[in-house]
Amino acid sequence: MIGIDIVRIERIINMNQKFGAKAYERFLDKEEIILIKSPQTAAGFWAAKEAASKAIGTGIGKKCSFFDIKIKKDKNNAPCLKYKKKLRKKYNIKKSYLSISHDGGFAIAVVVNSL
């Protein structure tokens, strides 16, 4: 299962200007917010969560919220993700792979799940 998403970084900047600190709280938990060092990182995390939801075929909504997906950094500082247990069970996800990149005002993420 694969999912991909792209986000304009300016969209995240505008959201942050409009809502302040609460902007990130709309799609990230406290541990994830600590990892945000720039709007590019935040846009990448948004794209990653959208891509992860698409990889299970739901998109963000009732079946899978932003908070059902957790983004962390591994020992090499690479991004990784984990679905909540209920989603891993329901969609039989054994392992997930995440790649995030940003350039030219956009952030893009790809998620691949192995069953």
C-alpha atoms as a PDB file:
ATOM      1  CA  MET A   1       0.000   0.000   0.000  1.00  0.00           C
ATOM      2  CA  ILE A   2       1.388   3.380  -1.028  1.00  0.00           C
ATOM      3  CA  GLY A   3       0.342   6.957  -0.411  1.00  0.00           C
ATOM      4  CA  ILE A   4       1.725  10.305  -1.542  1.00  0.00           C
ATOM      5  CA  ASP A   5       0.903  13.922  -0.712  1.00  0.00           C
ATOM      6  CA  ILE A   6       2.270  17.360  -1.544  1.00  0.00           C
ATOM      7  CA  VAL A   7       1.744  20.588   0.407  1.00  0.00           C
ATOM      8  CA  ARG A   8       2.575  24.210  -0.351  1.00  0.00           C
ATOM      9  CA  ILE A   9       4.821  25.388   2.495  1.00  0.00           C
ATOM     10  CA  GLU A  10       3.169  28.815   2.266  1.00  0.00           C
ATOM     11  CA  ARG A  11      -0.125  27.160   3.280  1.00  0.00           C
ATOM     12  CA  ILE A  12       1.444  26.058   6.579  1.00  0.00           C
ATOM     13  CA  ILE A  13       3.033  29.497   7.091  1.00  0.00           C
ATOM     14  CA  ASN A  14      -0.367  31.173   6.547  1.00  0.00           C
ATOM     15  CA  MET A  15      -2.062  28.714   8.906  1.00  0.00           C
ATOM     16  CA  ASN A  16       0.568  29.461  11.564  1.00  0.00           C
ATOM     17  CA  GLN A  17       0.154  33.228  11.107  1.00  0.00           C
ATOM     18  CA  LYS A  18      -3.633  32.928  11.407  1.00  0.00           C
ATOM     19  CA  PHE A  19      -3.832  30.508  14.362  1.00  0.00           C
ATOM     20  CA  GLY A  20      -0.452  30.901  16.079  1.00  0.00           C
ATOM     21  CA  ALA A  21       0.730  27.986  18.236  1.00  0.00           C
ATOM     22  CA  LYS A  22      -2.650  26.280  17.856  1.00  0.00           C
ATOM     23  CA  ALA A  23      -1.983  25.776  14.135  1.00  0.00           C
ATOM     24  CA  TYR A  24       0.369  22.868  14.753  1.00  0.00           C
ATOM     25  CA  GLU A  25      -1.888  21.460  17.484  1.00  0.00           C
ATOM     26  CA  ARG A  26      -4.512  20.822  14.788  1.00  0.00           C
ATOM     27  CA  PHE A  27      -2.447  17.992  13.296  1.00  0.00           C
ATOM     28  CA  LEU A  28       0.492  17.267  15.619  1.00  0.00           C
ATOM     29  CA  ASP A  29       0.805  16.092  19.217  1.00  0.00           C
ATOM     30  CA  LYS A  30       3.205  17.699  21.720  1.00  0.00           C
ATOM     31  CA  GLU A  31       6.074  15.310  20.963  1.00  0.00           C
ATOM     32  CA  GLU A  32       5.765  15.972  17.233  1.00  0.00           C
ATOM     33  CA  ILE A  33       5.606  19.749  17.715  1.00  0.00           C
ATOM     34  CA  ILE A  34       8.963  19.602  19.515  1.00  0.00           C
ATOM     35  CA  LEU A  35      10.487  18.190  16.313  1.00  0.00           C
ATOM     36  CA  ILE A  36       9.295  21.146  14.207  1.00  0.00           C
ATOM     37  CA  LYS A  37      12.193  23.483  13.471  1.00  0.00           C
ATOM     38  CA  SER A  38      10.741  25.279  10.437  1.00  0.00           C
ATOM     39  CA  PRO A  39       7.580  25.647   8.343  1.00  0.00           C
ATOM     40  CA  GLN A  40       9.193  23.243   5.865  1.00  0.00           C
ATOM     41  CA  THR A  41       9.344  20.548   8.540  1.00  0.00           C
ATOM     42  CA  ALA A  42       5.730  21.191   9.555  1.00  0.00           C
ATOM     43  CA  ALA A  43       4.603  20.999   5.919  1.00  0.00           C
ATOM     44  CA  GLY A  44       6.508  17.740   5.530  1.00  0.00           C
ATOM     45  CA  PHE A  45       4.780  16.288   8.591  1.00  0.00           C
ATOM     46  CA  TRP A  46       1.374  17.365   7.238  1.00  0.00           C
ATOM     47  CA  ALA A  47       2.163  15.717   3.896  1.00  0.00           C
ATOM     48  CA  ALA A  48       3.418  12.595   5.696  1.00  0.00           C
ATOM     49  CA  LYS A  49       0.210  12.168   7.673  1.00  0.00           C
ATOM     50  CA  GLU A  50      -1.913  12.741   4.566  1.00  0.00           C
ATOM     51  CA  ALA A  51       0.202  10.248   2.608  1.00  0.00           C
ATOM     52  CA  ALA A  52      -0.064   7.698   5.445  1.00  0.00           C
ATOM     53  CA  SER A  53      -3.858   7.999   5.473  1.00  0.00           C
ATOM     54  CA  LYS A  54      -3.956   7.579   1.699  1.00  0.00           C
ATOM     55  CA  ALA A  55      -1.721   4.501   1.961  1.00  0.00           C
ATOM     56  CA  ILE A  56      -4.466   2.743   3.926  1.00  0.00           C
ATOM     57  CA  GLY A  57      -7.123   3.977   1.515  1.00  0.00           C
ATOM     58  CA  THR A  58      -9.039   6.272   3.845  1.00  0.00           C
ATOM     59  CA  GLY A  59      -7.578   9.762   3.696  1.00  0.00           C
ATOM     60  CA  ILE A  60      -7.831  11.957   6.774  1.00  0.00           C
ATOM     61  CA  GLY A  61     -11.338  11.805   8.207  1.00  0.00           C
ATOM     62  CA  LYS A  62     -13.519   9.680  10.476  1.00  0.00           C
ATOM     63  CA  LYS A  63     -11.648   6.418   9.869  1.00  0.00           C
ATOM     64  CA  CYS A  64      -8.171   7.913  10.275  1.00  0.00           C
ATOM     65  CA  SER A  65      -7.394  11.222  11.964  1.00  0.00           C
ATOM     66  CA  PHE A  66      -4.134  13.156  12.074  1.00  0.00           C
ATOM     67  CA  PHE A  67      -3.729  11.824  15.627  1.00  0.00           C
ATOM     68  CA  ASP A  68      -3.968   8.175  14.546  1.00  0.00           C
ATOM     69  CA  ILE A  69      -0.558   8.645  12.904  1.00  0.00           C
ATOM     70  CA  LYS A  70       2.597   9.487  14.836  1.00  0.00           C
ATOM     71  CA  ILE A  71       5.792  10.870  13.299  1.00  0.00           C
ATOM     72  CA  LYS A  72       9.130  10.465  15.068  1.00  0.00           C
ATOM     73  CA  LYS A  73      12.802  10.591  14.162  1.00  0.00           C
ATOM     74  CA  ASP A  74      14.956   7.478  14.175  1.00  0.00           C
ATOM     75  CA  LYS A  75      18.527   7.199  15.492  1.00  0.00           C
ATOM     76  CA  ASN A  76      19.810   8.710  12.211  1.00  0.00           C
ATOM     77  CA  ASN A  77      17.340  11.622  12.478  1.00  0.00           C
ATOM     78  CA  ALA A  78      15.293  10.251   9.570  1.00  0.00           C
ATOM     79  CA  PRO A  79      11.515  10.581   9.833  1.00  0.00           C
ATOM     80  CA  CYS A  80       9.493   7.470  10.575  1.00  0.00           C
ATOM     81  CA  LEU A  81       5.836   6.910  11.296  1.00  0.00           C
ATOM     82  CA  LYS A  82       3.624   4.620  13.262  1.00  0.00           C
ATOM     83  CA  TYR A  83      -0.104   4.074  13.063  1.00  0.00           C
ATOM     84  CA  LYS A  84      -2.179   3.554  16.191  1.00  0.00           C
ATOM     85  CA  LYS A  85      -2.652  -0.101  17.048  1.00  0.00           C
ATOM     86  CA  LYS A  86      -6.305  -0.159  15.910  1.00  0.00           C
ATOM     87  CA  LEU A  87      -5.292   0.905  12.387  1.00  0.00           C
ATOM     88  CA  ARG A  88      -2.294  -1.437  12.211  1.00  0.00           C
ATOM     89  CA  LYS A  89      -4.618  -4.303  13.129  1.00  0.00           C
ATOM     90  CA  LYS A  90      -7.514  -3.277  10.881  1.00  0.00           C
ATOM     91  CA  TYR A  91      -5.310  -2.790   7.809  1.00  0.00           C
ATOM     92  CA  ASN A  92      -2.807  -5.552   8.683  1.00  0.00           C
ATOM     93  CA  ILE A  93       0.183  -3.180   8.567  1.00  0.00           C
ATOM     94  CA  LYS A  94       3.461  -4.858   9.511  1.00  0.00           C
ATOM     95  CA  LYS A  95       5.908  -2.055   8.708  1.00  0.00           C
ATOM     96  CA  SER A  96       5.727   1.467   7.328  1.00  0.00           C
ATOM     97  CA  TYR A  97       8.309   3.414   5.363  1.00  0.00           C
ATOM     98  CA  LEU A  98       8.299   7.218   5.067  1.00  0.00           C
ATOM     99  CA  SER A  99      10.211   9.651   2.889  1.00  0.00           C
ATOM    100  CA  ILE A 100       9.786  13.425   3.144  1.00  0.00           C
ATOM    101  CA  SER A 101      11.384  16.101   0.971  1.00  0.00           C
ATOM    102  CA  HIS A 102      10.892  19.813   0.417  1.00  0.00           C
ATOM    103  CA  ASP A 103      12.043  22.195  -2.288  1.00  0.00           C
ATOM    104  CA  GLY A 104      10.745  25.094  -4.338  1.00  0.00           C
ATOM    105  CA  GLY A 105       8.045  26.008  -1.839  1.00  0.00           C
ATOM    106  CA  PHE A 106       6.593  22.501  -1.573  1.00  0.00           C
ATOM    107  CA  ALA A 107       6.871  19.560   0.801  1.00  0.00           C
ATOM    108  CA  ILE A 108       6.166  16.046  -0.426  1.00  0.00           C
ATOM    109  CA  ALA A 109       5.883  12.745   1.398  1.00  0.00           C
ATOM    110  CA  VAL A 110       5.590   9.129   0.316  1.00  0.00           C
ATOM    111  CA  VAL A 111       4.466   6.284   2.585  1.00  0.00           C
ATOM    112  CA  VAL A 112       4.735   2.588   1.807  1.00  0.00           C
ATOM    113  CA  ASN A 113       3.166  -0.017   4.095  1.00  0.00           C
ATOM    114  CA  SER A 114       4.082  -3.684   4.019  1.00  0.00           C
ATOM    115  CA  LEU A 115       1.399  -6.206   4.865  1.00  0.00           C
END
